[in-house]
């Protein structure tokens, strides 16, 4: 949230939205800035979906934006993408540079500008130096998803990983998850043996 708030304050709302796309949909930078088109979000023939592509693994799917009761699954992200799509009446790249409307990617699909501006925002927000744009996006979203109890299969499907073997690179551990795992073991052991030791 600190990154997103500072990005907006510094005049880069597209980077704030991009971080949320990565976090919520577990998408790579290249998908967000190079492959995500306006027509991938709520097109006329699929107004309740977003098209998610993982060009690295060759997977793609239409993800629902609403639950079975019609409630939005990503209300904040949807409000930002709805506003952004209005600015793209003829389609094309959804996320563009805020100052001039040019693509974030340079020649050869390099995302140097994304990393440069993300570094400025991270420093201005006084966030840890080791963070990068990806920390808030795919990696952060995957780690939180794991911490919130998604199964390996659910994570693999959500993040479009071709194999669970690739997931540890994205799933960063933390003490809360490890403590929770041990508490569950203790609880189960206590139920079975009547003692926590």
C-alpha atoms as a PDB file:
ATOM      1  CA  UNK A   1       0.000   0.000   0.000  1.00  0.00           C
ATOM      2  CA  UNK A   2       2.888   2.377   0.766  1.00  0.00           C
ATOM      3  CA  UNK A   3       4.339   1.823  -2.716  1.00  0.00           C
ATOM      4  CA  UNK A   4       0.977   2.397  -4.384  1.00  0.00           C
ATOM      5  CA  UNK A   5       0.224   5.543  -2.386  1.00  0.00           C
ATOM      6  CA  UNK A   6       3.648   7.035  -3.100  1.00  0.00           C
ATOM      7  CA  UNK A   7       3.387   6.122  -6.814  1.00  0.00           C
ATOM      8  CA  UNK A   8       0.108   8.042  -7.085  1.00  0.00           C
ATOM      9  CA  UNK A   9       1.545  10.963  -5.107  1.00  0.00           C
ATOM     10  CA  UNK A  10       4.551  11.127  -7.453  1.00  0.00           C
ATOM     11  CA  UNK A  11       2.356  11.104 -10.578  1.00  0.00           C
ATOM     12  CA  UNK A  12       2.649   7.429 -11.547  1.00  0.00           C
ATOM     13  CA  UNK A  13      -0.812   5.938 -10.986  1.00  0.00           C
ATOM     14  CA  UNK A  14      -0.188   3.430 -13.795  1.00  0.00           C
ATOM     15  CA  UNK A  15       2.621   1.898 -11.707  1.00  0.00           C
ATOM     16  CA  UNK A  16       0.296   1.733  -8.700  1.00  0.00           C
ATOM     17  CA  UNK A  17      -2.307  -0.099 -10.785  1.00  0.00           C
ATOM     18  CA  UNK A  18       0.346  -2.325 -12.365  1.00  0.00           C
ATOM     19  CA  UNK A  19       1.563  -3.414  -8.911  1.00  0.00           C
ATOM     20  CA  UNK A  20      -2.034  -4.312  -8.020  1.00  0.00           C
ATOM     21  CA  UNK A  21      -2.452  -6.307 -11.255  1.00  0.00           C
ATOM     22  CA  UNK A  22       0.677  -8.277 -10.381  1.00  0.00           C
ATOM     23  CA  UNK A  23      -0.400  -8.770  -6.779  1.00  0.00           C
ATOM     24  CA  UNK A  24      -3.999  -9.794  -7.445  1.00  0.00           C
ATOM     25  CA  UNK A  25      -3.521 -11.828 -10.628  1.00  0.00           C
ATOM     26  CA  UNK A  26       0.053 -13.049  -9.927  1.00  0.00           C
ATOM     27  CA  UNK A  27       1.265 -11.656 -13.229  1.00  0.00           C
ATOM     28  CA  UNK A  28       4.812 -11.037 -14.425  1.00  0.00           C
ATOM     29  CA  UNK A  29       6.008  -7.552 -15.358  1.00  0.00           C
ATOM     30  CA  UNK A  30       6.208  -8.493 -19.037  1.00  0.00           C
ATOM     31  CA  UNK A  31       2.541  -9.485 -19.082  1.00  0.00           C
ATOM     32  CA  UNK A  32       1.458  -6.358 -17.264  1.00  0.00           C
ATOM     33  CA  UNK A  33       3.403  -3.851 -19.363  1.00  0.00           C
ATOM     34  CA  UNK A  34       3.840  -5.604 -22.720  1.00  0.00           C
ATOM     35  CA  UNK A  35       0.991  -8.136 -23.180  1.00  0.00           C
ATOM     36  CA  UNK A  36      -1.990  -6.696 -21.226  1.00  0.00           C
ATOM     37  CA  UNK A  37      -4.301  -5.051 -23.757  1.00  0.00           C
ATOM     38  CA  UNK A  38      -7.426  -2.999 -23.112  1.00  0.00           C
ATOM     39  CA  UNK A  39      -9.432  -5.657 -24.967  1.00  0.00           C
ATOM     40  CA  UNK A  40      -8.292  -8.223 -22.366  1.00  0.00           C
ATOM     41  CA  UNK A  41     -10.316  -6.459 -19.704  1.00  0.00           C
ATOM     42  CA  UNK A  42     -14.116  -6.783 -19.772  1.00  0.00           C
ATOM     43  CA  UNK A  43     -14.573  -7.025 -23.554  1.00  0.00           C
ATOM     44  CA  UNK A  44     -18.115  -6.825 -24.939  1.00  0.00           C
ATOM     45  CA  UNK A  45     -18.317 -10.600 -25.371  1.00  0.00           C
ATOM     46  CA  UNK A  46     -16.966 -11.282 -21.815  1.00  0.00           C
ATOM     47  CA  UNK A  47     -17.861  -8.271 -19.665  1.00  0.00           C
ATOM     48  CA  UNK A  48     -17.334 -10.158 -16.401  1.00  0.00           C
ATOM     49  CA  UNK A  49     -13.818 -11.449 -17.121  1.00  0.00           C
ATOM     50  CA  UNK A  50     -10.184 -10.510 -17.568  1.00  0.00           C
ATOM     51  CA  UNK A  51      -7.863 -12.401 -19.900  1.00  0.00           C
ATOM     52  CA  UNK A  52      -4.672 -13.485 -18.149  1.00  0.00           C
ATOM     53  CA  UNK A  53      -1.710 -14.576 -20.236  1.00  0.00           C
ATOM     54  CA  UNK A  54       1.499 -16.205 -19.103  1.00  0.00           C
ATOM     55  CA  UNK A  55       3.595 -16.159 -22.248  1.00  0.00           C
ATOM     56  CA  UNK A  56       6.522 -17.826 -20.454  1.00  0.00           C
ATOM     57  CA  UNK A  57       4.546 -21.032 -19.841  1.00  0.00           C
ATOM     58  CA  UNK A  58       2.156 -20.602 -22.762  1.00  0.00           C
ATOM     59  CA  UNK A  59      -0.896 -20.633 -20.494  1.00  0.00           C
ATOM     60  CA  UNK A  60      -3.855 -18.306 -20.686  1.00  0.00           C
ATOM     61  CA  UNK A  61      -7.317 -18.109 -19.196  1.00  0.00           C
ATOM     62  CA  UNK A  62     -10.347 -15.888 -18.781  1.00  0.00           C
ATOM     63  CA  UNK A  63     -10.525 -15.133 -15.051  1.00  0.00           C
ATOM     64  CA  UNK A  64     -13.868 -14.203 -13.486  1.00  0.00           C
ATOM     65  CA  UNK A  65     -14.179 -10.731 -12.001  1.00  0.00           C
ATOM     66  CA  UNK A  66     -17.347 -11.475 -10.015  1.00  0.00           C
ATOM     67  CA  UNK A  67     -18.415 -14.239  -7.647  1.00  0.00           C
ATOM     68  CA  UNK A  68     -21.573 -16.334  -8.076  1.00  0.00           C
ATOM     69  CA  UNK A  69     -23.638 -13.631  -6.307  1.00  0.00           C
ATOM     70  CA  UNK A  70     -22.371 -10.903  -8.643  1.00  0.00           C
ATOM     71  CA  UNK A  71     -20.038  -9.334  -6.089  1.00  0.00           C
ATOM     72  CA  UNK A  72     -16.708  -8.068  -7.454  1.00  0.00           C
ATOM     73  CA  UNK A  73     -13.737 -10.281  -6.636  1.00  0.00           C
ATOM     74  CA  UNK A  74     -11.241  -7.431  -7.171  1.00  0.00           C
ATOM     75  CA  UNK A  75     -13.158  -4.208  -6.362  1.00  0.00           C
ATOM     76  CA  UNK A  76     -10.173  -1.859  -6.057  1.00  0.00           C
ATOM     77  CA  UNK A  77      -8.395  -3.244  -9.108  1.00  0.00           C
ATOM     78  CA  UNK A  78     -11.590  -3.160 -11.155  1.00  0.00           C
ATOM     79  CA  UNK A  79     -12.293   0.479 -10.291  1.00  0.00           C
ATOM     80  CA  UNK A  80      -8.795   1.438 -11.447  1.00  0.00           C
ATOM     81  CA  UNK A  81      -8.953  -0.659 -14.625  1.00  0.00           C
ATOM     82  CA  UNK A  82     -12.462   0.614 -15.447  1.00  0.00           C
ATOM     83  CA  UNK A  83     -11.173   4.204 -15.259  1.00  0.00           C
ATOM     84  CA  UNK A  84      -8.091   3.327 -17.293  1.00  0.00           C
ATOM     85  CA  UNK A  85     -10.039   1.502 -20.009  1.00  0.00           C
ATOM     86  CA  UNK A  86     -12.096   4.630 -20.680  1.00  0.00           C
ATOM     87  CA  UNK A  87      -8.820   6.245 -21.798  1.00  0.00           C
ATOM     88  CA  UNK A  88      -8.247   3.408 -24.311  1.00  0.00           C
ATOM     89  CA  UNK A  89     -11.343   3.581 -26.571  1.00  0.00           C
ATOM     90  CA  UNK A  90      -9.459   2.123 -29.533  1.00  0.00           C
ATOM     91  CA  UNK A  91      -7.756  -0.639 -27.517  1.00  0.00           C
ATOM     92  CA  UNK A  92      -4.042  -1.260 -27.359  1.00  0.00           C
ATOM     93  CA  UNK A  93      -1.806  -1.487 -24.314  1.00  0.00           C
ATOM     94  CA  UNK A  94      -3.741  -1.022 -21.102  1.00  0.00           C
ATOM     95  CA  UNK A  95      -0.866   0.335 -19.011  1.00  0.00           C
ATOM     96  CA  UNK A  96       1.101   3.224 -20.482  1.00  0.00           C
ATOM     97  CA  UNK A  97       3.433   5.857 -19.112  1.00  0.00           C
ATOM     98  CA  UNK A  98       1.567   8.503 -17.166  1.00  0.00           C
ATOM     99  CA  UNK A  99       3.430  11.533 -18.479  1.00  0.00           C
ATOM    100  CA  UNK A 100       3.258  10.915 -22.233  1.00  0.00           C
ATOM    101  CA  UNK A 101       1.111   7.826 -22.934  1.00  0.00           C
ATOM    102  CA  UNK A 102       3.980   5.908 -24.508  1.00  0.00           C
ATOM    103  CA  UNK A 103       4.500   2.213 -23.739  1.00  0.00           C
ATOM    104  CA  UNK A 104       6.530   1.452 -20.609  1.00  0.00           C
ATOM    105  CA  UNK A 105       8.612  -1.066 -22.548  1.00  0.00           C
ATOM    106  CA  UNK A 106      11.447   0.234 -24.703  1.00  0.00           C
ATOM    107  CA  UNK A 107      13.038  -1.343 -27.759  1.00  0.00           C
ATOM    108  CA  UNK A 108      13.564  -5.063 -27.271  1.00  0.00           C
ATOM    109  CA  UNK A 109      10.749  -5.131 -24.688  1.00  0.00           C
ATOM    110  CA  UNK A 110      13.071  -3.833 -21.976  1.00  0.00           C
ATOM    111  CA  UNK A 111      11.342  -2.584 -18.817  1.00  0.00           C
ATOM    112  CA  UNK A 112      14.194  -0.426 -17.566  1.00  0.00           C
ATOM    113  CA  UNK A 113      11.916   2.593 -17.069  1.00  0.00           C
ATOM    114  CA  UNK A 114       9.566   0.560 -14.879  1.00  0.00           C
ATOM    115  CA  UNK A 115      12.426  -0.488 -12.612  1.00  0.00           C
ATOM    116  CA  UNK A 116      13.936   3.007 -12.579  1.00  0.00           C
ATOM    117  CA  UNK A 117      10.682   4.694 -11.583  1.00  0.00           C
ATOM    118  CA  UNK A 118       9.821   1.897  -9.138  1.00  0.00           C
ATOM    119  CA  UNK A 119      13.217   2.449  -7.460  1.00  0.00           C
ATOM    120  CA  UNK A 120      12.482   6.186  -7.136  1.00  0.00           C
ATOM    121  CA  UNK A 121       9.098   5.410  -5.582  1.00  0.00           C
ATOM    122  CA  UNK A 122      10.532   2.790  -3.206  1.00  0.00           C
ATOM    123  CA  UNK A 123      13.217   5.224  -2.036  1.00  0.00           C
ATOM    124  CA  UNK A 124      10.750   8.113  -1.680  1.00  0.00           C
ATOM    125  CA  UNK A 125       8.431   5.882   0.381  1.00  0.00           C
ATOM    126  CA  UNK A 126      11.425   4.900   2.561  1.00  0.00           C
ATOM    127  CA  UNK A 127      10.796   1.211   1.903  1.00  0.00           C
ATOM    128  CA  UNK A 128      13.586  -1.405   2.241  1.00  0.00           C
ATOM    129  CA  UNK A 129      16.248  -1.102  -0.472  1.00  0.00           C
ATOM    130  CA  UNK A 130      16.034  -4.780  -1.441  1.00  0.00           C
ATOM    131  CA  UNK A 131      12.471  -4.352  -2.736  1.00  0.00           C
ATOM    132  CA  UNK A 132      11.740  -4.125  -6.461  1.00  0.00           C
ATOM    133  CA  UNK A 133       8.568  -3.672  -8.489  1.00  0.00           C
ATOM    134  CA  UNK A 134       8.155  -7.468  -8.536  1.00  0.00           C
ATOM    135  CA  UNK A 135       8.186  -7.545  -4.716  1.00  0.00           C
ATOM    136  CA  UNK A 136       4.793  -5.846  -4.739  1.00  0.00           C
ATOM    137  CA  UNK A 137       3.425  -7.771  -7.690  1.00  0.00           C
ATOM    138  CA  UNK A 138       3.747 -11.463  -8.516  1.00  0.00           C
ATOM    139  CA  UNK A 139       6.112 -12.387  -5.679  1.00  0.00           C
ATOM    140  CA  UNK A 140       4.192 -10.484  -3.029  1.00  0.00           C
ATOM    141  CA  UNK A 141       0.823 -11.727  -4.247  1.00  0.00           C
ATOM    142  CA  UNK A 142       2.010 -15.328  -4.388  1.00  0.00           C
ATOM    143  CA  UNK A 143       3.490 -15.175  -0.889  1.00  0.00           C
ATOM    144  CA  UNK A 144       0.345 -13.653   0.595  1.00  0.00           C
ATOM    145  CA  UNK A 145      -1.787 -16.229  -1.232  1.00  0.00           C
ATOM    146  CA  UNK A 146       0.287 -19.015   0.289  1.00  0.00           C
ATOM    147  CA  UNK A 147       0.043 -17.418   3.729  1.00  0.00           C
ATOM    148  CA  UNK A 148      -3.740 -17.161   3.361  1.00  0.00           C
ATOM    149  CA  UNK A 149      -3.986 -20.897   2.817  1.00  0.00           C
ATOM    150  CA  UNK A 150      -4.216 -21.504  -0.925  1.00  0.00           C
ATOM    151  CA  UNK A 151      -3.219 -25.061  -1.746  1.00  0.00           C
ATOM    152  CA  UNK A 152      -0.276 -25.814  -4.017  1.00  0.00           C
ATOM    153  CA  UNK A 153      -2.721 -26.712  -6.798  1.00  0.00           C
ATOM    154  CA  UNK A 154      -4.666 -23.462  -6.344  1.00  0.00           C
ATOM    155  CA  UNK A 155      -1.452 -21.436  -6.358  1.00  0.00           C
ATOM    156  CA  UNK A 156      -0.179 -23.253  -9.423  1.00  0.00           C
ATOM    157  CA  UNK A 157      -3.411 -22.549 -11.285  1.00  0.00           C
ATOM    158  CA  UNK A 158      -3.707 -18.927 -10.132  1.00  0.00           C
ATOM    159  CA  UNK A 159      -0.093 -18.118 -10.982  1.00  0.00           C
ATOM    160  CA  UNK A 160      -0.109 -20.259 -14.142  1.00  0.00           C
ATOM    161  CA  UNK A 161       3.038 -22.127 -13.146  1.00  0.00           C
ATOM    162  CA  UNK A 162       3.764 -25.134 -15.326  1.00  0.00           C
ATOM    163  CA  UNK A 163       5.002 -27.095 -12.312  1.00  0.00           C
ATOM    164  CA  UNK A 164       5.039 -26.743  -8.516  1.00  0.00           C
ATOM    165  CA  UNK A 165       8.847 -27.016  -8.783  1.00  0.00           C
ATOM    166  CA  UNK A 166       9.019 -23.432 -10.066  1.00  0.00           C
ATOM    167  CA  UNK A 167       6.974 -21.975  -7.233  1.00  0.00           C
ATOM    168  CA  UNK A 168       9.562 -21.722  -4.417  1.00  0.00           C
ATOM    169  CA  UNK A 169      11.311 -18.922  -6.325  1.00  0.00           C
ATOM    170  CA  UNK A 170       8.148 -16.830  -5.917  1.00  0.00           C
ATOM    171  CA  UNK A 171       6.912 -17.958  -2.510  1.00  0.00           C
ATOM    172  CA  UNK A 172       8.936 -16.156   0.086  1.00  0.00           C
ATOM    173  CA  UNK A 173       8.732 -17.479   3.600  1.00  0.00           C
ATOM    174  CA  UNK A 174       8.019 -15.508   6.688  1.00  0.00           C
ATOM    175  CA  UNK A 175       7.779 -16.231  10.387  1.00  0.00           C
ATOM    176  CA  UNK A 176       3.965 -15.947  10.471  1.00  0.00           C
ATOM    177  CA  UNK A 177       3.505 -18.786   7.982  1.00  0.00           C
ATOM    178  CA  UNK A 178       6.069 -20.974   9.733  1.00  0.00           C
ATOM    179  CA  UNK A 179       4.553 -20.269  13.145  1.00  0.00           C
ATOM    180  CA  UNK A 180       1.088 -21.037  11.810  1.00  0.00           C
ATOM    181  CA  UNK A 181       2.309 -24.337  10.343  1.00  0.00           C
ATOM    182  CA  UNK A 182       3.837 -25.365  13.661  1.00  0.00           C
ATOM    183  CA  UNK A 183       0.744 -24.341  15.632  1.00  0.00           C
ATOM    184  CA  UNK A 184      -1.371 -26.525  13.356  1.00  0.00           C
ATOM    185  CA  UNK A 185       1.001 -29.440  13.993  1.00  0.00           C
ATOM    186  CA  UNK A 186       0.804 -28.879  17.750  1.00  0.00           C
ATOM    187  CA  UNK A 187      -2.999 -28.674  17.626  1.00  0.00           C
ATOM    188  CA  UNK A 188      -3.258 -31.911  15.681  1.00  0.00           C
ATOM    189  CA  UNK A 189      -0.753 -33.670  17.939  1.00  0.00           C
ATOM    190  CA  UNK A 190      -2.663 -32.484  21.018  1.00  0.00           C
ATOM    191  CA  UNK A 191      -5.897 -33.888  19.637  1.00  0.00           C
ATOM    192  CA  UNK A 192      -4.238 -37.225  18.907  1.00  0.00           C
ATOM    193  CA  UNK A 193      -2.143 -37.672  22.043  1.00  0.00           C
ATOM    194  CA  UNK A 194      -3.628 -35.280  24.599  1.00  0.00           C
ATOM    195  CA  UNK A 195      -0.273 -33.511  24.935  1.00  0.00           C
ATOM    196  CA  UNK A 196       1.436 -30.758  22.933  1.00  0.00           C
ATOM    197  CA  UNK A 197       4.910 -32.267  23.426  1.00  0.00           C
END
